């Protein structure tokens, strides 16, 4: 393994120095993603984790119950109006005209701040999203959290490329 970090603080494993299990995980991620972006470069170190995270990441890129805009509210800010993004980044309240988007925003805010989910929010979420949508929001938040924590721990800067493969 290289001594010099190649992806933030993480020193990526060159393919020819990976264990057979890591190489298998690497291949599985490439099949699912077509490339190896972000924390996947780090997850490859743990082949058992790759077998879970690869399919989970693929699930959130294809055909789940949330629209792209709804997904952005639950996890990141790209593609939303600037005033909504500024409010969310500052921890200020905001609102959405779309009922589903509003419920997702309220769920994400409530859960991210470790708040108790009121019966009113629960009922609105069930009505707007159904249990499939609710679980998609919750699991997407968990997925994004694991991605951001991995990148933060390894101090990976935005736009980092890592090893060319």
N, C-alpha and C. Protein backbone atom coordinates (compact mmCIF):
# COMPACT_ATOMS: atom_id res chain seq x y z
N UNK A 1 0.85 -1.18 0.00
CA UNK A 1 0.00 0.00 0.00
C UNK A 1 0.89 1.24 0.00
N UNK A 2 0.57 2.25 -0.80
CA UNK A 2 1.42 3.44 -0.81
C UNK A 2 1.41 4.14 0.54
N UNK A 3 2.55 4.68 0.92
CA UNK A 3 2.64 5.41 2.19
C UNK A 3 2.03 6.80 2.06
N UNK A 4 2.06 7.35 0.88
CA UNK A 4 1.58 8.70 0.65
C UNK A 4 0.09 8.67 0.37
N UNK A 5 -0.68 9.48 1.11
CA UNK A 5 -2.12 9.53 0.84
C UNK A 5 -2.39 9.96 -0.60
N UNK A 6 -3.40 9.35 -1.19
CA UNK A 6 -3.77 9.65 -2.58
C UNK A 6 -5.18 10.22 -2.70
N UNK A 7 -5.96 10.11 -1.61
CA UNK A 7 -7.36 10.54 -1.63
C UNK A 7 -7.65 11.14 -0.26
N UNK A 8 -7.39 12.43 -0.11
CA UNK A 8 -7.43 13.03 1.22
C UNK A 8 -6.31 12.41 2.04
N UNK A 9 -6.63 11.91 3.22
CA UNK A 9 -5.64 11.26 4.09
C UNK A 9 -5.49 9.77 3.78
N UNK A 10 -6.33 9.25 2.90
CA UNK A 10 -6.35 7.82 2.61
C UNK A 10 -5.36 7.47 1.50
N UNK A 11 -4.58 6.44 1.71
CA UNK A 11 -3.66 5.92 0.70
C UNK A 11 -4.37 4.76 0.00
N UNK A 12 -4.83 5.02 -1.22
CA UNK A 12 -5.54 3.98 -1.97
C UNK A 12 -4.64 2.78 -2.24
N UNK A 13 -5.28 1.63 -2.38
CA UNK A 13 -4.55 0.40 -2.67
C UNK A 13 -4.50 0.23 -4.18
N UNK A 14 -3.31 0.17 -4.76
CA UNK A 14 -3.25 -0.13 -6.19
C UNK A 14 -3.89 -1.50 -6.44
N UNK A 15 -4.57 -1.63 -7.57
CA UNK A 15 -5.31 -2.85 -7.87
C UNK A 15 -4.45 -4.09 -7.72
N UNK A 16 -3.22 -4.04 -8.22
CA UNK A 16 -2.36 -5.23 -8.19
C UNK A 16 -1.87 -5.57 -6.78
N UNK A 17 -2.15 -4.70 -5.80
CA UNK A 17 -1.77 -4.99 -4.42
C UNK A 17 -2.98 -5.29 -3.54
N UNK A 18 -4.16 -5.30 -4.14
CA UNK A 18 -5.37 -5.65 -3.40
C UNK A 18 -5.42 -7.14 -3.16
N UNK A 19 -6.08 -7.54 -2.07
CA UNK A 19 -6.34 -8.97 -1.85
C UNK A 19 -7.35 -9.43 -2.90
N UNK A 20 -7.47 -10.74 -3.11
CA UNK A 20 -8.49 -11.21 -4.06
C UNK A 20 -9.90 -10.72 -3.68
N UNK A 21 -10.20 -10.64 -2.38
CA UNK A 21 -11.52 -10.17 -1.94
C UNK A 21 -11.71 -8.69 -2.26
N UNK A 22 -10.66 -7.90 -2.08
CA UNK A 22 -10.73 -6.48 -2.41
C UNK A 22 -10.88 -6.28 -3.92
N UNK A 23 -10.17 -7.09 -4.70
CA UNK A 23 -10.31 -7.01 -6.16
C UNK A 23 -11.74 -7.35 -6.59
N UNK A 24 -12.33 -8.35 -5.95
CA UNK A 24 -13.72 -8.71 -6.26
C UNK A 24 -14.65 -7.55 -5.92
N UNK A 25 -14.46 -6.95 -4.74
CA UNK A 25 -15.27 -5.81 -4.35
C UNK A 25 -15.10 -4.64 -5.30
N UNK A 26 -13.88 -4.40 -5.73
CA UNK A 26 -13.58 -3.35 -6.69
C UNK A 26 -14.34 -3.60 -8.00
N UNK A 27 -14.28 -4.83 -8.47
CA UNK A 27 -14.99 -5.19 -9.72
C UNK A 27 -16.50 -5.01 -9.56
N UNK A 28 -17.03 -5.42 -8.40
CA UNK A 28 -18.48 -5.26 -8.16
C UNK A 28 -18.88 -3.79 -8.18
N UNK A 29 -18.07 -2.94 -7.57
CA UNK A 29 -18.38 -1.51 -7.57
C UNK A 29 -18.30 -0.94 -8.98
N UNK A 30 -17.31 -1.36 -9.75
CA UNK A 30 -17.22 -0.88 -11.13
C UNK A 30 -18.43 -1.32 -11.95
N UNK A 31 -18.88 -2.55 -11.74
CA UNK A 31 -20.08 -3.02 -12.45
C UNK A 31 -21.30 -2.20 -12.07
N UNK A 32 -21.42 -1.86 -10.80
CA UNK A 32 -22.59 -1.10 -10.32
C UNK A 32 -22.49 0.38 -10.70
N UNK A 33 -21.28 0.95 -10.70
CA UNK A 33 -21.10 2.39 -10.87
C UNK A 33 -20.51 2.78 -12.21
N UNK A 34 -19.70 1.91 -12.81
CA UNK A 34 -19.00 2.27 -14.03
C UNK A 34 -17.69 3.00 -13.74
N UNK A 35 -17.54 3.44 -12.52
CA UNK A 35 -16.32 4.10 -12.04
C UNK A 35 -16.30 3.99 -10.52
N UNK A 36 -15.25 4.50 -9.91
CA UNK A 36 -15.11 4.36 -8.47
C UNK A 36 -14.98 5.75 -7.83
N UNK A 37 -16.10 6.47 -7.65
CA UNK A 37 -16.04 7.82 -7.09
C UNK A 37 -16.09 7.83 -5.56
N UNK A 38 -15.80 8.98 -5.02
CA UNK A 38 -16.00 9.27 -3.60
C UNK A 38 -15.55 8.19 -2.65
N UNK A 39 -16.38 7.93 -1.64
CA UNK A 39 -15.97 7.02 -0.57
C UNK A 39 -15.82 5.58 -1.04
N UNK A 40 -16.30 5.25 -2.24
CA UNK A 40 -16.12 3.89 -2.74
C UNK A 40 -14.65 3.53 -2.84
N UNK A 41 -13.81 4.53 -3.10
CA UNK A 41 -12.36 4.30 -3.14
C UNK A 41 -11.87 3.80 -1.79
N UNK A 42 -12.50 4.27 -0.72
CA UNK A 42 -12.12 3.88 0.63
C UNK A 42 -12.81 2.58 1.03
N UNK A 43 -14.07 2.44 0.66
CA UNK A 43 -14.83 1.23 1.02
C UNK A 43 -14.17 -0.03 0.47
N UNK A 44 -13.47 0.08 -0.65
CA UNK A 44 -12.82 -1.08 -1.26
C UNK A 44 -11.89 -1.77 -0.27
N UNK A 45 -11.38 -1.03 0.68
CA UNK A 45 -10.50 -1.60 1.70
C UNK A 45 -11.23 -2.67 2.51
N UNK A 46 -12.55 -2.55 2.61
CA UNK A 46 -13.37 -3.47 3.39
C UNK A 46 -14.33 -4.21 2.45
N UNK A 47 -13.90 -5.34 1.88
CA UNK A 47 -14.71 -6.01 0.86
C UNK A 47 -16.09 -6.46 1.33
N UNK A 48 -16.24 -6.77 2.61
CA UNK A 48 -17.57 -7.15 3.11
C UNK A 48 -18.52 -5.94 3.05
N UNK A 49 -18.01 -4.77 3.38
CA UNK A 49 -18.82 -3.56 3.33
C UNK A 49 -19.19 -3.21 1.89
N UNK A 50 -18.26 -3.39 0.96
CA UNK A 50 -18.51 -3.09 -0.45
C UNK A 50 -19.72 -3.87 -0.97
N UNK A 51 -19.85 -5.10 -0.51
CA UNK A 51 -20.97 -5.94 -0.98
C UNK A 51 -22.32 -5.39 -0.55
N UNK A 52 -22.33 -4.54 0.47
CA UNK A 52 -23.56 -3.91 0.95
C UNK A 52 -23.72 -2.50 0.37
N UNK A 53 -22.65 -1.71 0.46
CA UNK A 53 -22.73 -0.31 0.05
C UNK A 53 -22.90 -0.15 -1.46
N UNK A 54 -22.28 -1.02 -2.24
CA UNK A 54 -22.43 -0.94 -3.70
C UNK A 54 -23.89 -1.04 -4.13
N UNK A 55 -24.59 -2.10 -3.74
CA UNK A 55 -26.00 -2.21 -4.10
C UNK A 55 -26.86 -1.11 -3.48
N UNK A 56 -26.54 -0.67 -2.26
CA UNK A 56 -27.33 0.39 -1.64
C UNK A 56 -27.17 1.69 -2.43
N UNK A 57 -25.96 2.03 -2.79
CA UNK A 57 -25.73 3.22 -3.60
C UNK A 57 -26.42 3.12 -4.95
N UNK A 58 -26.37 1.93 -5.55
CA UNK A 58 -27.04 1.72 -6.84
C UNK A 58 -28.55 1.89 -6.71
N UNK A 59 -29.11 1.43 -5.60
CA UNK A 59 -30.55 1.58 -5.36
C UNK A 59 -30.96 3.05 -5.40
N UNK A 60 -30.15 3.90 -4.77
CA UNK A 60 -30.49 5.33 -4.71
C UNK A 60 -30.18 6.07 -6.00
N UNK A 61 -29.60 5.42 -6.97
CA UNK A 61 -29.39 6.03 -8.29
C UNK A 61 -30.44 5.58 -9.29
N UNK A 62 -31.18 4.53 -8.97
CA UNK A 62 -32.13 4.00 -9.94
C UNK A 62 -33.46 3.66 -9.28
N UNK A 63 -34.53 4.10 -9.86
CA UNK A 63 -35.89 3.69 -9.58
C UNK A 63 -36.37 3.49 -8.17
N UNK A 64 -36.10 4.36 -7.26
CA UNK A 64 -36.72 4.28 -5.96
C UNK A 64 -37.88 5.27 -5.92
N UNK A 65 -38.52 5.44 -4.77
CA UNK A 65 -39.78 6.16 -4.72
C UNK A 65 -39.67 7.68 -4.69
N UNK A 66 -38.47 8.25 -4.64
CA UNK A 66 -38.31 9.70 -4.55
C UNK A 66 -37.86 10.28 -5.88
N UNK A 67 -38.36 11.48 -6.19
CA UNK A 67 -37.88 12.19 -7.38
C UNK A 67 -36.48 12.73 -7.09
N UNK A 68 -35.79 13.14 -8.13
CA UNK A 68 -34.46 13.70 -7.96
C UNK A 68 -34.50 14.93 -7.04
N UNK A 69 -35.48 15.78 -7.22
CA UNK A 69 -35.61 16.98 -6.38
C UNK A 69 -35.87 16.60 -4.92
N UNK A 70 -36.73 15.59 -4.70
CA UNK A 70 -37.01 15.13 -3.33
C UNK A 70 -35.75 14.53 -2.71
N UNK A 71 -34.99 13.82 -3.49
CA UNK A 71 -33.74 13.23 -3.02
C UNK A 71 -32.78 14.33 -2.57
N UNK A 72 -32.74 15.43 -3.30
CA UNK A 72 -31.84 16.52 -2.96
C UNK A 72 -32.21 17.15 -1.62
N UNK A 73 -33.51 17.26 -1.33
CA UNK A 73 -33.94 17.82 -0.06
C UNK A 73 -33.49 16.92 1.08
N UNK A 74 -33.62 15.62 0.89
CA UNK A 74 -33.28 14.68 1.95
C UNK A 74 -31.78 14.60 2.20
N UNK A 75 -30.97 14.87 1.16
CA UNK A 75 -29.55 14.64 1.35
C UNK A 75 -28.63 15.79 1.05
N UNK A 76 -28.83 16.47 -0.02
CA UNK A 76 -27.93 17.56 -0.38
C UNK A 76 -28.72 18.67 -1.04
N UNK A 77 -28.06 19.77 -1.35
CA UNK A 77 -28.78 20.97 -1.75
C UNK A 77 -28.79 21.25 -3.25
N UNK A 78 -28.06 20.54 -4.06
CA UNK A 78 -27.95 20.84 -5.49
C UNK A 78 -29.32 20.83 -6.18
N UNK A 79 -29.53 21.82 -7.03
CA UNK A 79 -30.74 21.86 -7.83
C UNK A 79 -31.93 22.52 -7.16
N UNK A 80 -31.80 22.97 -5.95
CA UNK A 80 -32.90 23.63 -5.25
C UNK A 80 -32.75 25.15 -5.37
N UNK A 81 -33.83 25.91 -5.22
CA UNK A 81 -33.73 27.37 -5.27
C UNK A 81 -32.74 27.89 -4.23
N UNK A 82 -32.01 28.93 -4.59
CA UNK A 82 -30.94 29.47 -3.74
C UNK A 82 -31.45 29.84 -2.35
N UNK A 83 -32.65 30.43 -2.26
CA UNK A 83 -33.14 30.83 -0.94
C UNK A 83 -33.40 29.63 -0.04
N UNK A 84 -33.86 28.53 -0.63
CA UNK A 84 -34.09 27.30 0.15
C UNK A 84 -32.75 26.72 0.63
N UNK A 85 -31.78 26.71 -0.26
CA UNK A 85 -30.45 26.18 0.08
C UNK A 85 -29.84 27.01 1.21
N UNK A 86 -29.89 28.33 1.09
CA UNK A 86 -29.33 29.21 2.12
C UNK A 86 -30.00 28.97 3.47
N UNK A 87 -31.32 28.85 3.46
CA UNK A 87 -32.04 28.60 4.71
C UNK A 87 -31.62 27.27 5.33
N UNK A 88 -31.56 26.22 4.52
CA UNK A 88 -31.19 24.91 5.05
C UNK A 88 -29.76 24.90 5.59
N UNK A 89 -28.83 25.52 4.85
CA UNK A 89 -27.44 25.55 5.29
C UNK A 89 -27.27 26.35 6.58
N UNK A 90 -28.12 27.34 6.76
CA UNK A 90 -28.04 28.18 7.96
C UNK A 90 -28.86 27.65 9.12
N UNK A 91 -29.56 26.57 8.89
CA UNK A 91 -30.40 26.01 9.95
C UNK A 91 -31.68 26.79 10.17
N UNK A 92 -32.06 27.58 9.18
CA UNK A 92 -33.28 28.37 9.28
C UNK A 92 -34.44 27.61 8.66
N UNK A 93 -35.65 27.88 9.12
CA UNK A 93 -36.80 27.20 8.51
C UNK A 93 -37.04 27.69 7.08
N UNK A 94 -37.59 26.84 6.29
CA UNK A 94 -38.01 27.18 4.93
C UNK A 94 -39.25 26.36 4.62
N UNK A 95 -39.85 26.59 3.48
CA UNK A 95 -41.03 25.81 3.12
C UNK A 95 -41.04 25.56 1.62
N UNK A 96 -41.78 24.55 1.24
CA UNK A 96 -41.90 24.15 -0.15
C UNK A 96 -43.38 24.10 -0.52
N UNK A 97 -43.69 24.50 -1.74
CA UNK A 97 -45.08 24.48 -2.21
C UNK A 97 -45.59 23.05 -2.41
N UNK A 98 -44.69 22.17 -2.80
CA UNK A 98 -45.06 20.78 -3.05
C UNK A 98 -45.19 20.04 -1.71
N UNK A 99 -46.31 19.36 -1.51
CA UNK A 99 -46.58 18.68 -0.23
C UNK A 99 -45.55 17.60 0.09
N UNK A 100 -45.17 16.82 -0.90
CA UNK A 100 -44.16 15.77 -0.68
C UNK A 100 -42.82 16.38 -0.29
N UNK A 101 -42.40 17.41 -1.02
CA UNK A 101 -41.13 18.07 -0.71
C UNK A 101 -41.15 18.65 0.70
N UNK A 102 -42.26 19.25 1.08
CA UNK A 102 -42.37 19.83 2.42
C UNK A 102 -42.24 18.75 3.50
N UNK A 103 -42.91 17.63 3.30
CA UNK A 103 -42.84 16.55 4.28
C UNK A 103 -41.42 15.99 4.36
N UNK A 104 -40.76 15.84 3.23
CA UNK A 104 -39.38 15.33 3.23
C UNK A 104 -38.47 16.31 3.96
N UNK A 105 -38.63 17.59 3.69
CA UNK A 105 -37.85 18.61 4.39
C UNK A 105 -38.08 18.52 5.91
N UNK A 106 -39.34 18.43 6.32
CA UNK A 106 -39.64 18.35 7.75
C UNK A 106 -39.08 17.08 8.37
N UNK A 107 -39.20 15.95 7.66
CA UNK A 107 -38.64 14.69 8.16
C UNK A 107 -37.13 14.81 8.33
N UNK A 108 -36.45 15.30 7.28
CA UNK A 108 -34.99 15.39 7.31
C UNK A 108 -34.53 16.32 8.43
N UNK A 109 -35.21 17.44 8.58
CA UNK A 109 -34.85 18.39 9.64
C UNK A 109 -35.06 17.77 11.02
N UNK A 110 -36.19 17.16 11.19
CA UNK A 110 -36.53 16.54 12.47
C UNK A 110 -35.53 15.43 12.82
N UNK A 111 -35.29 14.53 11.90
CA UNK A 111 -34.40 13.40 12.18
C UNK A 111 -32.94 13.82 12.33
N UNK A 112 -32.50 14.76 11.49
CA UNK A 112 -31.10 15.21 11.57
C UNK A 112 -30.83 15.94 12.88
N UNK A 113 -31.85 16.53 13.46
CA UNK A 113 -31.69 17.25 14.72
C UNK A 113 -32.09 16.40 15.92
N UNK A 114 -32.20 15.10 15.71
CA UNK A 114 -32.55 14.15 16.78
C UNK A 114 -33.79 14.56 17.55
N UNK A 115 -34.79 14.97 16.81
CA UNK A 115 -36.06 15.38 17.42
C UNK A 115 -37.05 14.23 17.38
N UNK A 116 -38.01 14.30 18.26
CA UNK A 116 -39.10 13.34 18.29
C UNK A 116 -40.02 13.65 17.11
N UNK A 117 -40.45 12.63 16.41
CA UNK A 117 -41.35 12.80 15.26
C UNK A 117 -42.77 12.89 15.80
N UNK A 118 -43.39 14.03 15.59
CA UNK A 118 -44.75 14.24 16.10
C UNK A 118 -45.74 13.36 15.32
N UNK A 119 -46.87 13.13 15.92
CA UNK A 119 -47.93 12.36 15.26
C UNK A 119 -48.38 13.08 13.99
N UNK A 120 -48.45 14.41 14.05
CA UNK A 120 -48.85 15.18 12.86
C UNK A 120 -47.90 14.98 11.69
N UNK A 121 -46.58 15.06 11.95
CA UNK A 121 -45.60 14.83 10.88
C UNK A 121 -45.68 13.40 10.40
N UNK A 122 -45.79 12.46 11.32
CA UNK A 122 -45.92 11.05 10.94
C UNK A 122 -47.11 10.87 10.00
N UNK A 123 -48.27 11.39 10.38
CA UNK A 123 -49.48 11.24 9.56
C UNK A 123 -49.32 11.89 8.20
N UNK A 124 -48.73 13.10 8.15
CA UNK A 124 -48.53 13.78 6.86
C UNK A 124 -47.57 13.00 5.97
N UNK A 125 -46.54 12.42 6.58
CA UNK A 125 -45.57 11.64 5.82
C UNK A 125 -46.20 10.38 5.25
N UNK A 126 -46.98 9.69 6.05
CA UNK A 126 -47.66 8.48 5.56
C UNK A 126 -48.59 8.83 4.42
N UNK A 127 -49.31 9.92 4.55
CA UNK A 127 -50.25 10.32 3.50
C UNK A 127 -49.51 10.74 2.22
N UNK A 128 -48.44 11.51 2.36
CA UNK A 128 -47.74 12.04 1.19
C UNK A 128 -46.80 11.04 0.53
N UNK A 129 -46.13 10.23 1.33
CA UNK A 129 -45.06 9.37 0.81
C UNK A 129 -45.35 7.89 0.89
N UNK A 130 -46.22 7.49 1.79
CA UNK A 130 -46.41 6.07 2.06
C UNK A 130 -45.18 5.53 2.77
N UNK A 131 -45.28 4.32 3.25
CA UNK A 131 -44.18 3.74 4.03
C UNK A 131 -42.96 3.48 3.16
N UNK A 132 -43.16 3.18 1.88
CA UNK A 132 -42.00 2.99 0.98
C UNK A 132 -41.21 4.29 0.87
N UNK A 133 -41.89 5.40 0.65
CA UNK A 133 -41.21 6.69 0.55
C UNK A 133 -40.55 7.10 1.85
N UNK A 134 -41.24 6.84 2.96
CA UNK A 134 -40.67 7.18 4.27
C UNK A 134 -39.37 6.43 4.50
N UNK A 135 -39.37 5.13 4.24
CA UNK A 135 -38.15 4.36 4.46
C UNK A 135 -37.06 4.76 3.47
N UNK A 136 -37.45 5.16 2.25
CA UNK A 136 -36.44 5.65 1.30
C UNK A 136 -35.79 6.92 1.83
N UNK A 137 -36.57 7.85 2.37
CA UNK A 137 -36.01 9.09 2.92
C UNK A 137 -35.06 8.76 4.07
N UNK A 138 -35.48 7.95 4.99
CA UNK A 138 -34.67 7.62 6.17
C UNK A 138 -33.37 6.93 5.76
N UNK A 139 -33.46 5.94 4.89
CA UNK A 139 -32.26 5.20 4.48
C UNK A 139 -31.35 6.06 3.61
N UNK A 140 -31.93 6.94 2.78
CA UNK A 140 -31.11 7.85 1.99
C UNK A 140 -30.33 8.80 2.90
N UNK A 141 -30.99 9.29 3.94
CA UNK A 141 -30.29 10.15 4.90
C UNK A 141 -29.13 9.39 5.56
N UNK A 142 -29.36 8.15 5.92
CA UNK A 142 -28.30 7.34 6.51
C UNK A 142 -27.16 7.10 5.53
N UNK A 143 -27.51 6.85 4.27
CA UNK A 143 -26.50 6.62 3.24
C UNK A 143 -25.66 7.88 3.05
N UNK A 144 -26.32 9.02 2.88
CA UNK A 144 -25.59 10.28 2.71
C UNK A 144 -24.73 10.59 3.94
N UNK A 145 -25.23 10.28 5.11
CA UNK A 145 -24.47 10.53 6.33
C UNK A 145 -23.21 9.68 6.35
N UNK A 146 -23.32 8.41 5.97
CA UNK A 146 -22.13 7.55 5.96
C UNK A 146 -21.12 8.03 4.93
N UNK A 147 -21.60 8.49 3.78
CA UNK A 147 -20.71 9.03 2.75
C UNK A 147 -19.99 10.27 3.27
N UNK A 148 -20.75 11.21 3.84
CA UNK A 148 -20.14 12.46 4.29
C UNK A 148 -19.19 12.22 5.47
N UNK A 149 -19.53 11.31 6.36
CA UNK A 149 -18.64 11.02 7.49
C UNK A 149 -17.34 10.36 7.02
N UNK A 150 -17.44 9.48 6.04
CA UNK A 150 -16.24 8.84 5.49
C UNK A 150 -15.33 9.88 4.87
N UNK A 151 -15.89 10.74 4.03
CA UNK A 151 -15.08 11.77 3.37
C UNK A 151 -14.51 12.76 4.38
N UNK A 152 -15.29 13.09 5.41
CA UNK A 152 -14.80 14.02 6.45
C UNK A 152 -13.67 13.39 7.26
N UNK A 153 -13.83 12.14 7.64
CA UNK A 153 -12.80 11.48 8.45
C UNK A 153 -11.47 11.43 7.71
N UNK A 154 -11.52 11.13 6.42
CA UNK A 154 -10.31 11.02 5.62
C UNK A 154 -9.90 12.36 5.01
N UNK A 155 -10.60 13.44 5.37
CA UNK A 155 -10.28 14.80 4.93
C UNK A 155 -10.13 14.88 3.41
N UNK A 156 -11.09 14.30 2.70
CA UNK A 156 -11.07 14.29 1.24
C UNK A 156 -11.64 15.62 0.74
N UNK A 157 -10.85 16.41 0.02
CA UNK A 157 -11.35 17.69 -0.48
C UNK A 157 -12.34 17.50 -1.62
N UNK A 158 -13.20 18.48 -1.81
CA UNK A 158 -14.16 18.45 -2.92
C UNK A 158 -13.39 18.32 -4.23
N UNK A 159 -13.88 17.48 -5.11
CA UNK A 159 -13.26 17.30 -6.42
C UNK A 159 -12.03 16.43 -6.45
N UNK A 160 -11.68 15.79 -5.33
CA UNK A 160 -10.50 14.93 -5.30
C UNK A 160 -10.66 13.77 -6.27
N UNK A 161 -9.63 13.47 -6.99
CA UNK A 161 -9.66 12.39 -8.00
C UNK A 161 -9.06 11.09 -7.48
N UNK A 162 -8.00 11.16 -6.71
CA UNK A 162 -7.34 9.95 -6.26
C UNK A 162 -6.51 9.32 -7.36
N UNK A 163 -6.20 8.03 -7.20
CA UNK A 163 -5.38 7.32 -8.19
C UNK A 163 -6.11 7.21 -9.51
N UNK A 164 -5.36 7.40 -10.59
CA UNK A 164 -5.92 7.15 -11.93
C UNK A 164 -5.94 5.65 -12.14
N UNK A 165 -7.07 5.13 -12.60
CA UNK A 165 -7.17 3.67 -12.82
C UNK A 165 -7.65 3.41 -14.21
